[in-house]
């Protein structure tokens, strides 16, 4: 009997790369979408396609019960449209609900079918702003309290708290790039509307979509538990990765603005991200999951993704 995997959020940027990898490894995959128009896409990827509303407990319970999964993978987000870091609380409003209410609905359904649980987390620039520039899973996340990012960081913490308590795994993906993941950001770079702030000393960690998916497959296969940073080998300051992204996109070098002006135009979150952000180490994922990213550096990944 094939192992049954339920992917909630199968048509998201990670889900579309994850489903084919799971199918190729012999898993029987049920994947969800919120739109009946996307059922065909999931079928083409090799999954049994289901329409599900992650914010409706009954919808989630019915879909999971029917699929009878051995593993539930939570990839539900609703990040779309032009990036709006200044108003991140509004930009991420539905995603924050999917990471709180949606996680709770999925966990309850998974527990009812005795399924293992793997969830998407986040670790790019949001390590606590003290100490070194690169953080491990033992270091706390920066909850950005009092900023527009605060509700989103609280939602990420909720995922970690409840999933780990339930004996599941949370994969903290770095900044995602690859097909469909960075189109809006790259367009801003090409328009020179994505400036460097201050000296660009804040660190970020990145991961290609295919590498995020391959790490997720390993977590499914091993029924992993705990928190893992799924990032590439090279955390880097904005002063390095943003000009490289611009070159790869065929754009002019990014403009540079002082922190006081960036705070007025883009808000506190953008300033802290680009001047104080902390990246993350992938040592635990390599050691415990046996994961090796195909793109060990954003330098190679950006270049190949944007050609």
C-alpha atoms as a PDB file:
ATOM      1  CA  UNK A   1       0.000   0.000   0.000  1.00  0.00           C
ATOM      2  CA  UNK A   2       1.383   3.399  -0.976  1.00  0.00           C
ATOM      3  CA  UNK A   3       1.864   5.906   1.831  1.00  0.00           C
ATOM      4  CA  UNK A   4      -0.864   8.544   1.612  1.00  0.00           C
ATOM      5  CA  UNK A   5       0.169  12.194   1.855  1.00  0.00           C
ATOM      6  CA  UNK A   6      -2.295  15.071   2.117  1.00  0.00           C
ATOM      7  CA  UNK A   7      -0.889  18.389   0.880  1.00  0.00           C
ATOM      8  CA  UNK A   8      -2.970  21.352   2.031  1.00  0.00           C
ATOM      9  CA  UNK A   9      -2.170  24.188  -0.336  1.00  0.00           C
ATOM     10  CA  UNK A  10      -1.102  22.124  -3.328  1.00  0.00           C
ATOM     11  CA  UNK A  11      -1.344  24.989  -5.827  1.00  0.00           C
ATOM     12  CA  UNK A  12       0.892  27.377  -3.878  1.00  0.00           C
ATOM     13  CA  UNK A  13       4.428  28.099  -5.044  1.00  0.00           C
ATOM     14  CA  UNK A  14       5.884  25.341  -2.838  1.00  0.00           C
ATOM     15  CA  UNK A  15       2.975  22.947  -3.315  1.00  0.00           C
ATOM     16  CA  UNK A  16       3.366  22.954  -7.089  1.00  0.00           C
ATOM     17  CA  UNK A  17       6.996  21.836  -6.714  1.00  0.00           C
ATOM     18  CA  UNK A  18       6.319  19.463  -3.804  1.00  0.00           C
ATOM     19  CA  UNK A  19       3.466  17.412  -5.261  1.00  0.00           C
ATOM     20  CA  UNK A  20       5.469  16.106  -8.270  1.00  0.00           C
ATOM     21  CA  UNK A  21       8.408  15.194  -6.009  1.00  0.00           C
ATOM     22  CA  UNK A  22       6.134  13.197  -3.717  1.00  0.00           C
ATOM     23  CA  UNK A  23       4.440  11.469  -6.655  1.00  0.00           C
ATOM     24  CA  UNK A  24       7.842  10.600  -8.138  1.00  0.00           C
ATOM     25  CA  UNK A  25       8.805   8.940  -4.839  1.00  0.00           C
ATOM     26  CA  UNK A  26       5.740   6.707  -4.994  1.00  0.00           C
ATOM     27  CA  UNK A  27       3.433   8.485  -2.570  1.00  0.00           C
ATOM     28  CA  UNK A  28      -0.324   8.587  -3.078  1.00  0.00           C
ATOM     29  CA  UNK A  29      -0.969  12.330  -2.922  1.00  0.00           C
ATOM     30  CA  UNK A  30      -4.166  14.215  -2.241  1.00  0.00           C
ATOM     31  CA  UNK A  31      -3.680  17.961  -2.711  1.00  0.00           C
ATOM     32  CA  UNK A  32      -6.021  20.848  -2.080  1.00  0.00           C
ATOM     33  CA  UNK A  33      -6.892  24.132  -3.720  1.00  0.00           C
ATOM     34  CA  UNK A  34      -9.426  26.807  -2.852  1.00  0.00           C
ATOM     35  CA  UNK A  35     -10.502  27.106  -6.491  1.00  0.00           C
ATOM     36  CA  UNK A  36     -12.280  24.511  -8.605  1.00  0.00           C
ATOM     37  CA  UNK A  37     -10.554  26.084 -11.611  1.00  0.00           C
ATOM     38  CA  UNK A  38      -7.218  24.725 -10.346  1.00  0.00           C
ATOM     39  CA  UNK A  39      -8.313  21.097  -9.879  1.00  0.00           C
ATOM     40  CA  UNK A  40      -6.962  20.250 -13.320  1.00  0.00           C
ATOM     41  CA  UNK A  41      -3.532  21.628 -12.430  1.00  0.00           C
ATOM     42  CA  UNK A  42      -3.272  19.319  -9.430  1.00  0.00           C
ATOM     43  CA  UNK A  43      -4.453  16.389 -11.525  1.00  0.00           C
ATOM     44  CA  UNK A  44      -1.736  17.137 -14.065  1.00  0.00           C
ATOM     45  CA  UNK A  45       0.819  17.065 -11.240  1.00  0.00           C
ATOM     46  CA  UNK A  46      -0.306  13.551 -10.326  1.00  0.00           C
ATOM     47  CA  UNK A  47      -2.444  14.269  -7.275  1.00  0.00           C
ATOM     48  CA  UNK A  48      -6.014  13.530  -6.325  1.00  0.00           C
ATOM     49  CA  UNK A  49      -7.404  17.066  -6.323  1.00  0.00           C
ATOM     50  CA  UNK A  50      -9.799  18.448  -3.712  1.00  0.00           C
ATOM     51  CA  UNK A  51     -11.354  21.868  -3.117  1.00  0.00           C
ATOM     52  CA  UNK A  52     -10.936  22.853   0.536  1.00  0.00           C
ATOM     53  CA  UNK A  53     -11.307  26.019   2.586  1.00  0.00           C
ATOM     54  CA  UNK A  54      -8.547  25.988   5.160  1.00  0.00           C
ATOM     55  CA  UNK A  55     -10.423  28.473   7.339  1.00  0.00           C
ATOM     56  CA  UNK A  56     -13.510  26.249   7.556  1.00  0.00           C
ATOM     57  CA  UNK A  57     -13.081  23.484  10.129  1.00  0.00           C
ATOM     58  CA  UNK A  58     -15.813  21.342   8.550  1.00  0.00           C
ATOM     59  CA  UNK A  59     -14.287  21.635   5.084  1.00  0.00           C
ATOM     60  CA  UNK A  60     -10.863  20.663   6.418  1.00  0.00           C
ATOM     61  CA  UNK A  61     -12.200  17.791   8.518  1.00  0.00           C
ATOM     62  CA  UNK A  62     -14.174  16.338   5.631  1.00  0.00           C
ATOM     63  CA  UNK A  63     -11.300  16.563   3.134  1.00  0.00           C
ATOM     64  CA  UNK A  64      -8.743  14.993   5.466  1.00  0.00           C
ATOM     65  CA  UNK A  65     -11.101  12.253   6.658  1.00  0.00           C
ATOM     66  CA  UNK A  66     -11.891  11.259   3.080  1.00  0.00           C
ATOM     67  CA  UNK A  67      -8.204  11.111   2.114  1.00  0.00           C
ATOM     68  CA  UNK A  68      -7.222   9.028   5.186  1.00  0.00           C
ATOM     69  CA  UNK A  69      -3.626  10.286   5.051  1.00  0.00           C
ATOM     70  CA  UNK A  70      -0.577   8.927   6.806  1.00  0.00           C
ATOM     71  CA  UNK A  71       1.016  12.386   6.673  1.00  0.00           C
ATOM     72  CA  UNK A  72      -0.539  15.859   6.442  1.00  0.00           C
ATOM     73  CA  UNK A  73       1.615  18.639   4.964  1.00  0.00           C
ATOM     74  CA  UNK A  74       0.537  22.224   5.660  1.00  0.00           C
ATOM     75  CA  UNK A  75       1.496  24.569   2.803  1.00  0.00           C
ATOM     76  CA  UNK A  76      -1.479  26.931   2.967  1.00  0.00           C
ATOM     77  CA  UNK A  77      -0.719  30.618   2.409  1.00  0.00           C
ATOM     78  CA  UNK A  78      -2.437  33.505   0.631  1.00  0.00           C
ATOM     79  CA  UNK A  79       0.469  35.774  -0.302  1.00  0.00           C
ATOM     80  CA  UNK A  80      -0.350  37.507  -3.557  1.00  0.00           C
ATOM     81  CA  UNK A  81      -0.151  40.851  -5.251  1.00  0.00           C
ATOM     82  CA  UNK A  82       2.406  43.621  -5.031  1.00  0.00           C
ATOM     83  CA  UNK A  83       4.648  43.330  -1.954  1.00  0.00           C
ATOM     84  CA  UNK A  84       3.591  45.750   0.783  1.00  0.00           C
ATOM     85  CA  UNK A  85       6.118  45.523   3.594  1.00  0.00           C
ATOM     86  CA  UNK A  86       4.959  48.819   5.099  1.00  0.00           C
ATOM     87  CA  UNK A  87       1.512  47.308   5.666  1.00  0.00           C
ATOM     88  CA  UNK A  88       2.571  43.699   6.151  1.00  0.00           C
ATOM     89  CA  UNK A  89      -0.226  43.125   8.636  1.00  0.00           C
ATOM     90  CA  UNK A  90      -2.750  43.746   5.842  1.00  0.00           C
ATOM     91  CA  UNK A  91      -0.715  42.026   3.119  1.00  0.00           C
ATOM     92  CA  UNK A  92      -0.421  38.856   5.244  1.00  0.00           C
ATOM     93  CA  UNK A  93      -3.830  39.026   6.917  1.00  0.00           C
ATOM     94  CA  UNK A  94      -5.286  35.877   5.345  1.00  0.00           C
ATOM     95  CA  UNK A  95      -1.984  34.016   5.553  1.00  0.00           C
ATOM     96  CA  UNK A  96      -1.816  34.829   9.260  1.00  0.00           C
ATOM     97  CA  UNK A  97      -5.277  33.273   9.710  1.00  0.00           C
ATOM     98  CA  UNK A  98      -4.210  30.204   7.748  1.00  0.00           C
ATOM     99  CA  UNK A  99      -1.193  29.883  10.055  1.00  0.00           C
ATOM    100  CA  UNK A 100      -3.351  30.137  13.172  1.00  0.00           C
ATOM    101  CA  UNK A 101      -6.926  28.990  12.537  1.00  0.00           C
ATOM    102  CA  UNK A 102      -5.958  26.904   9.510  1.00  0.00           C
ATOM    103  CA  UNK A 103      -3.180  25.142  11.394  1.00  0.00           C
ATOM    104  CA  UNK A 104      -5.536  24.329  14.250  1.00  0.00           C
ATOM    105  CA  UNK A 105      -8.146  22.912  11.844  1.00  0.00           C
ATOM    106  CA  UNK A 106      -5.568  20.779  10.042  1.00  0.00           C
ATOM    107  CA  UNK A 107      -4.004  19.529  13.262  1.00  0.00           C
ATOM    108  CA  UNK A 108      -7.377  18.457  14.619  1.00  0.00           C
ATOM    109  CA  UNK A 109      -8.145  16.615  11.375  1.00  0.00           C
ATOM    110  CA  UNK A 110      -4.693  14.988  11.340  1.00  0.00           C
ATOM    111  CA  UNK A 111      -5.052  13.825  14.910  1.00  0.00           C
ATOM    112  CA  UNK A 112      -8.452  12.309  14.080  1.00  0.00           C
ATOM    113  CA  UNK A 113      -6.824  10.160  11.396  1.00  0.00           C
ATOM    114  CA  UNK A 114      -3.592   9.563  13.371  1.00  0.00           C
ATOM    115  CA  UNK A 115      -1.537  11.279  10.670  1.00  0.00           C
ATOM    116  CA  UNK A 116       1.916  12.754  11.135  1.00  0.00           C
ATOM    117  CA  UNK A 117       2.127  16.523  10.568  1.00  0.00           C
ATOM    118  CA  UNK A 118       4.627  18.656   8.653  1.00  0.00           C
ATOM    119  CA  UNK A 119       4.131  22.421   8.396  1.00  0.00           C
ATOM    120  CA  UNK A 120       5.659  25.383   6.627  1.00  0.00           C
ATOM    121  CA  UNK A 121       7.415  27.948   8.817  1.00  0.00           C
ATOM    122  CA  UNK A 122       9.611  30.942   8.069  1.00  0.00           C
ATOM    123  CA  UNK A 123      13.265  31.837   8.672  1.00  0.00           C
ATOM    124  CA  UNK A 124      14.803  34.425   6.370  1.00  0.00           C
ATOM    125  CA  UNK A 125      15.749  37.678   8.138  1.00  0.00           C
ATOM    126  CA  UNK A 126      13.673  37.269  11.286  1.00  0.00           C
ATOM    127  CA  UNK A 127      16.207  35.910  13.750  1.00  0.00           C
ATOM    128  CA  UNK A 128      16.347  37.775  17.041  1.00  0.00           C
ATOM    129  CA  UNK A 129      18.235  41.061  16.605  1.00  0.00           C
ATOM    130  CA  UNK A 130      21.055  40.450  19.029  1.00  0.00           C
ATOM    131  CA  UNK A 131      24.300  38.527  18.971  1.00  0.00           C
ATOM    132  CA  UNK A 132      25.712  37.054  15.772  1.00  0.00           C
ATOM    133  CA  UNK A 133      24.337  37.444  12.270  1.00  0.00           C
ATOM    134  CA  UNK A 134      23.447  33.743  11.771  1.00  0.00           C
ATOM    135  CA  UNK A 135      20.970  31.885  13.990  1.00  0.00           C
ATOM    136  CA  UNK A 136      20.186  28.231  14.713  1.00  0.00           C
ATOM    137  CA  UNK A 137      16.911  26.604  15.704  1.00  0.00           C
ATOM    138  CA  UNK A 138      17.880  27.177  19.339  1.00  0.00           C
ATOM    139  CA  UNK A 139      17.794  30.949  18.893  1.00  0.00           C
ATOM    140  CA  UNK A 140      14.447  32.737  19.254  1.00  0.00           C
ATOM    141  CA  UNK A 141      12.726  34.405  16.343  1.00  0.00           C
ATOM    142  CA  UNK A 142      12.272  38.162  16.382  1.00  0.00           C
ATOM    143  CA  UNK A 143       8.547  38.674  16.953  1.00  0.00           C
ATOM    144  CA  UNK A 144       8.739  42.268  15.635  1.00  0.00           C
ATOM    145  CA  UNK A 145       6.327  43.351  18.358  1.00  0.00           C
ATOM    146  CA  UNK A 146       4.713  46.696  17.670  1.00  0.00           C
ATOM    147  CA  UNK A 147       5.470  46.647  13.934  1.00  0.00           C
ATOM    148  CA  UNK A 148       3.383  45.683  10.905  1.00  0.00           C
ATOM    149  CA  UNK A 149       5.198  42.331  10.871  1.00  0.00           C
ATOM    150  CA  UNK A 150       4.177  41.538  14.450  1.00  0.00           C
ATOM    151  CA  UNK A 151       0.938  39.648  13.686  1.00  0.00           C
ATOM    152  CA  UNK A 152       2.708  37.543  11.061  1.00  0.00           C
ATOM    153  CA  UNK A 153       5.561  36.617  13.396  1.00  0.00           C
ATOM    154  CA  UNK A 154       3.077  35.688  16.116  1.00  0.00           C
ATOM    155  CA  UNK A 155       1.337  33.447  13.570  1.00  0.00           C
ATOM    156  CA  UNK A 156       4.648  31.778  12.680  1.00  0.00           C
ATOM    157  CA  UNK A 157       5.316  31.193  16.372  1.00  0.00           C
ATOM    158  CA  UNK A 158       1.838  29.682  16.758  1.00  0.00           C
ATOM    159  CA  UNK A 159       2.613  27.162  14.010  1.00  0.00           C
ATOM    160  CA  UNK A 160       5.827  26.161  15.754  1.00  0.00           C
ATOM    161  CA  UNK A 161       4.267  25.904  19.198  1.00  0.00           C
ATOM    162  CA  UNK A 162       1.255  23.761  18.311  1.00  0.00           C
ATOM    163  CA  UNK A 163       2.892  21.562  15.670  1.00  0.00           C
ATOM    164  CA  UNK A 164       5.915  20.693  17.797  1.00  0.00           C
ATOM    165  CA  UNK A 165       3.630  20.032  20.780  1.00  0.00           C
ATOM    166  CA  UNK A 166       1.672  17.613  18.577  1.00  0.00           C
ATOM    167  CA  UNK A 167       4.852  15.729  17.655  1.00  0.00           C
ATOM    168  CA  UNK A 168       5.182  17.134  14.143  1.00  0.00           C
ATOM    169  CA  UNK A 169       7.826  19.050  12.216  1.00  0.00           C
ATOM    170  CA  UNK A 170       8.019  22.700  11.203  1.00  0.00           C
ATOM    171  CA  UNK A 171      10.236  23.546   8.243  1.00  0.00           C
ATOM    172  CA  UNK A 172      11.324  27.161   8.445  1.00  0.00           C
ATOM    173  CA  UNK A 173      11.766  28.058   4.792  1.00  0.00           C
ATOM    174  CA  UNK A 174      14.091  30.919   3.979  1.00  0.00           C
ATOM    175  CA  UNK A 175      13.201  33.583   1.467  1.00  0.00           C
ATOM    176  CA  UNK A 176      11.677  31.568  -1.363  1.00  0.00           C
ATOM    177  CA  UNK A 177      12.718  32.112  -4.956  1.00  0.00           C
ATOM    178  CA  UNK A 178      12.118  30.230  -8.177  1.00  0.00           C
ATOM    179  CA  UNK A 179       9.212  29.917 -10.622  1.00  0.00           C
ATOM    180  CA  UNK A 180       6.422  32.237  -9.512  1.00  0.00           C
ATOM    181  CA  UNK A 181       7.921  33.025  -6.109  1.00  0.00           C
ATOM    182  CA  UNK A 182       9.794  36.274  -6.736  1.00  0.00           C
ATOM    183  CA  UNK A 183       8.141  37.743  -9.833  1.00  0.00           C
ATOM    184  CA  UNK A 184       6.691  40.748  -8.008  1.00  0.00           C
ATOM    185  CA  UNK A 185       9.933  41.511  -6.159  1.00  0.00           C
ATOM    186  CA  UNK A 186      11.987  41.221  -9.341  1.00  0.00           C
ATOM    187  CA  UNK A 187       9.637  43.617 -11.090  1.00  0.00           C
ATOM    188  CA  UNK A 188      10.219  46.155  -8.314  1.00  0.00           C
ATOM    189  CA  UNK A 189      13.984  45.663  -8.689  1.00  0.00           C
ATOM    190  CA  UNK A 190      13.745  46.270 -12.437  1.00  0.00           C
ATOM    191  CA  UNK A 191      11.808  49.483 -11.791  1.00  0.00           C
ATOM    192  CA  UNK A 192      14.415  50.501  -9.199  1.00  0.00           C
ATOM    193  CA  UNK A 193      11.692  50.557  -6.561  1.00  0.00           C
ATOM    194  CA  UNK A 194      13.518  48.114  -4.249  1.00  0.00           C
ATOM    195  CA  UNK A 195      16.337  50.233  -2.765  1.00  0.00           C
ATOM    196  CA  UNK A 196      19.128  49.356  -0.383  1.00  0.00           C
ATOM    197  CA  UNK A 197      18.514  50.846   3.044  1.00  0.00           C
ATOM    198  CA  UNK A 198      21.408  52.410   4.899  1.00  0.00           C
ATOM    199  CA  UNK A 199      24.527  50.267   4.536  1.00  0.00           C
ATOM    200  CA  UNK A 200      22.508  47.125   3.769  1.00  0.00           C
ATOM    201  CA  UNK A 201      24.039  45.251   6.699  1.00  0.00           C
ATOM    202  CA  UNK A 202      20.959  43.172   7.582  1.00  0.00           C
ATOM    203  CA  UNK A 203      21.269  39.474   6.761  1.00  0.00           C
ATOM    204  CA  UNK A 204      18.765  37.222   5.013  1.00  0.00           C
ATOM    205  CA  UNK A 205      18.680  33.524   4.157  1.00  0.00           C
ATOM    206  CA  UNK A 206      17.271  32.162   0.895  1.00  0.00           C
ATOM    207  CA  UNK A 207      16.113  28.824  -0.489  1.00  0.00           C
ATOM    208  CA  UNK A 208      15.048  27.726  -3.957  1.00  0.00           C
ATOM    209  CA  UNK A 209      11.519  26.313  -4.219  1.00  0.00           C
ATOM    210  CA  UNK A 210      12.817  22.937  -5.372  1.00  0.00           C
ATOM    211  CA  UNK A 211      15.125  22.731  -2.361  1.00  0.00           C
ATOM    212  CA  UNK A 212      12.291  23.646   0.003  1.00  0.00           C
ATOM    213  CA  UNK A 213      10.249  20.863  -1.593  1.00  0.00           C
ATOM    214  CA  UNK A 214      13.043  18.281  -1.371  1.00  0.00           C
ATOM    215  CA  UNK A 215      13.531  19.029   2.333  1.00  0.00           C
ATOM    216  CA  UNK A 216       9.799  18.580   2.843  1.00  0.00           C
ATOM    217  CA  UNK A 217       9.895  15.184   1.134  1.00  0.00           C
ATOM    218  CA  UNK A 218      12.633  14.112   3.540  1.00  0.00           C
ATOM    219  CA  UNK A 219      10.600  15.313   6.539  1.00  0.00           C
ATOM    220  CA  UNK A 220       7.635  13.297   5.258  1.00  0.00           C
ATOM    221  CA  UNK A 221       9.702  10.177   4.671  1.00  0.00           C
ATOM    222  CA  UNK A 222      11.374  10.312   8.065  1.00  0.00           C
ATOM    223  CA  UNK A 223       8.298  11.516   9.964  1.00  0.00           C
ATOM    224  CA  UNK A 224      10.571  14.187  11.360  1.00  0.00           C
ATOM    225  CA  UNK A 225       9.826  16.055  14.564  1.00  0.00           C
ATOM    226  CA  UNK A 226      10.920  19.484  15.747  1.00  0.00           C
ATOM    227  CA  UNK A 227      11.980  22.661  13.971  1.00  0.00           C
ATOM    228  CA  UNK A 228      14.366  22.841  11.005  1.00  0.00           C
ATOM    229  CA  UNK A 229      15.822  25.821   9.175  1.00  0.00           C
ATOM    230  CA  UNK A 230      15.497  25.104   5.454  1.00  0.00           C
ATOM    231  CA  UNK A 231      17.866  27.667   3.987  1.00  0.00           C
ATOM    232  CA  UNK A 232      20.875  27.614   1.693  1.00  0.00           C
ATOM    233  CA  UNK A 233      24.507  27.622   2.787  1.00  0.00           C
ATOM    234  CA  UNK A 234      25.103  31.360   2.486  1.00  0.00           C
ATOM    235  CA  UNK A 235      23.256  33.827   4.712  1.00  0.00           C
ATOM    236  CA  UNK A 236      24.153  37.237   3.329  1.00  0.00           C
ATOM    237  CA  UNK A 237      23.640  40.957   3.912  1.00  0.00           C
ATOM    238  CA  UNK A 238      21.306  42.953   1.689  1.00  0.00           C
ATOM    239  CA  UNK A 239      24.303  44.884   0.413  1.00  0.00           C
ATOM    240  CA  UNK A 240      25.437  41.680  -1.335  1.00  0.00           C
ATOM    241  CA  UNK A 241      22.309  39.807  -2.407  1.00  0.00           C
ATOM    242  CA  UNK A 242      20.219  42.748  -3.670  1.00  0.00           C
ATOM    243  CA  UNK A 243      22.790  44.082  -6.184  1.00  0.00           C
ATOM    244  CA  UNK A 244      23.364  40.508  -7.384  1.00  0.00           C
ATOM    245  CA  UNK A 245      19.629  40.018  -7.838  1.00  0.00           C
ATOM    246  CA  UNK A 246      19.512  43.230  -9.863  1.00  0.00           C
ATOM    247  CA  UNK A 247      22.357  42.052 -12.108  1.00  0.00           C
ATOM    248  CA  UNK A 248      20.691  38.678 -12.647  1.00  0.00           C
ATOM    249  CA  UNK A 249      17.436  40.450 -13.533  1.00  0.00           C
ATOM    250  CA  UNK A 250      19.176  42.685 -16.049  1.00  0.00           C
ATOM    251  CA  UNK A 251      18.372  45.758 -13.954  1.00  0.00           C
ATOM    252  CA  UNK A 252      20.353  48.814 -12.978  1.00  0.00           C
ATOM    253  CA  UNK A 253      21.979  48.730  -9.532  1.00  0.00           C
ATOM    254  CA  UNK A 254      19.491  49.407  -6.714  1.00  0.00           C
ATOM    255  CA  UNK A 255      19.212  52.917  -5.385  1.00  0.00           C
ATOM    256  CA  UNK A 256      20.397  53.546  -1.840  1.00  0.00           C
ATOM    257  CA  UNK A 257      18.293  55.490   0.659  1.00  0.00           C
ATOM    258  CA  UNK A 258      19.070  56.572   4.240  1.00  0.00           C
ATOM    259  CA  UNK A 259      17.302  54.798   7.058  1.00  0.00           C
ATOM    260  CA  UNK A 260      15.247  57.847   8.056  1.00  0.00           C
ATOM    261  CA  UNK A 261      13.793  58.163   4.573  1.00  0.00           C
ATOM    262  CA  UNK A 262      13.186  54.422   4.236  1.00  0.00           C
ATOM    263  CA  UNK A 263      11.355  54.465   7.553  1.00  0.00           C
ATOM    264  CA  UNK A 264       9.009  57.162   6.205  1.00  0.00           C
ATOM    265  CA  UNK A 265       8.467  55.549   2.797  1.00  0.00           C
ATOM    266  CA  UNK A 266       8.590  51.816   3.525  1.00  0.00           C
ATOM    267  CA  UNK A 267       8.121  51.532   7.284  1.00  0.00           C
ATOM    268  CA  UNK A 268       9.996  50.119  10.241  1.00  0.00           C
ATOM    269  CA  UNK A 269       9.930  46.503   9.046  1.00  0.00           C
ATOM    270  CA  UNK A 270      11.854  47.254   5.845  1.00  0.00           C
ATOM    271  CA  UNK A 271      14.471  49.219   7.776  1.00  0.00           C
ATOM    272  CA  UNK A 272      15.015  46.490  10.343  1.00  0.00           C
ATOM    273  CA  UNK A 273      15.044  43.773   7.682  1.00  0.00           C
ATOM    274  CA  UNK A 274      17.733  45.478   5.617  1.00  0.00           C
ATOM    275  CA  UNK A 275      19.889  46.876   8.414  1.00  0.00           C
ATOM    276  CA  UNK A 276      19.476  44.478  11.374  1.00  0.00           C
ATOM    277  CA  UNK A 277      18.127  41.210   9.940  1.00  0.00           C
ATOM    278  CA  UNK A 278      19.656  37.916  11.072  1.00  0.00           C
ATOM    279  CA  UNK A 279      20.011  34.919   8.762  1.00  0.00           C
ATOM    280  CA  UNK A 280      19.933  31.229   9.631  1.00  0.00           C
ATOM    281  CA  UNK A 281      22.071  28.090   9.636  1.00  0.00           C
ATOM    282  CA  UNK A 282      20.994  24.886   7.856  1.00  0.00           C
ATOM    283  CA  UNK A 283      23.361  22.621   9.802  1.00  0.00           C
ATOM    284  CA  UNK A 284      20.577  20.784  11.646  1.00  0.00           C
ATOM    285  CA  UNK A 285      18.614  19.989   8.476  1.00  0.00           C
ATOM    286  CA  UNK A 286      21.754  18.640   6.827  1.00  0.00           C
ATOM    287  CA  UNK A 287      22.710  16.614   9.886  1.00  0.00           C
ATOM    288  CA  UNK A 288      19.323  15.188  10.883  1.00  0.00           C
ATOM    289  CA  UNK A 289      17.392  15.046   7.600  1.00  0.00           C
ATOM    290  CA  UNK A 290      20.345  14.353   5.321  1.00  0.00           C
ATOM    291  CA  UNK A 291      19.269  17.318   3.200  1.00  0.00           C
ATOM    292  CA  UNK A 292      21.598  18.848   0.633  1.00  0.00           C
ATOM    293  CA  UNK A 293      20.309  21.824  -1.357  1.00  0.00           C
ATOM    294  CA  UNK A 294      20.654  21.668  -5.116  1.00  0.00           C
ATOM    295  CA  UNK A 295      21.320  25.407  -4.991  1.00  0.00           C
ATOM    296  CA  UNK A 296      23.750  25.855  -2.074  1.00  0.00           C
ATOM    297  CA  UNK A 297      23.963  29.593  -2.711  1.00  0.00           C
ATOM    298  CA  UNK A 298      21.541  32.280  -3.853  1.00  0.00           C
ATOM    299  CA  UNK A 299      24.381  33.486  -6.101  1.00  0.00           C
ATOM    300  CA  UNK A 300      23.987  30.457  -8.357  1.00  0.00           C
ATOM    301  CA  UNK A 301      20.243  30.163  -7.756  1.00  0.00           C
ATOM    302  CA  UNK A 302      19.362  33.742  -8.670  1.00  0.00           C
ATOM    303  CA  UNK A 303      21.516  33.542 -11.799  1.00  0.00           C
ATOM    304  CA  UNK A 304      19.936  30.307 -13.037  1.00  0.00           C
ATOM    305  CA  UNK A 305      16.387  31.246 -12.030  1.00  0.00           C
ATOM    306  CA  UNK A 306      16.394  34.632 -13.753  1.00  0.00           C
ATOM    307  CA  UNK A 307      18.173  33.744 -17.012  1.00  0.00           C
END
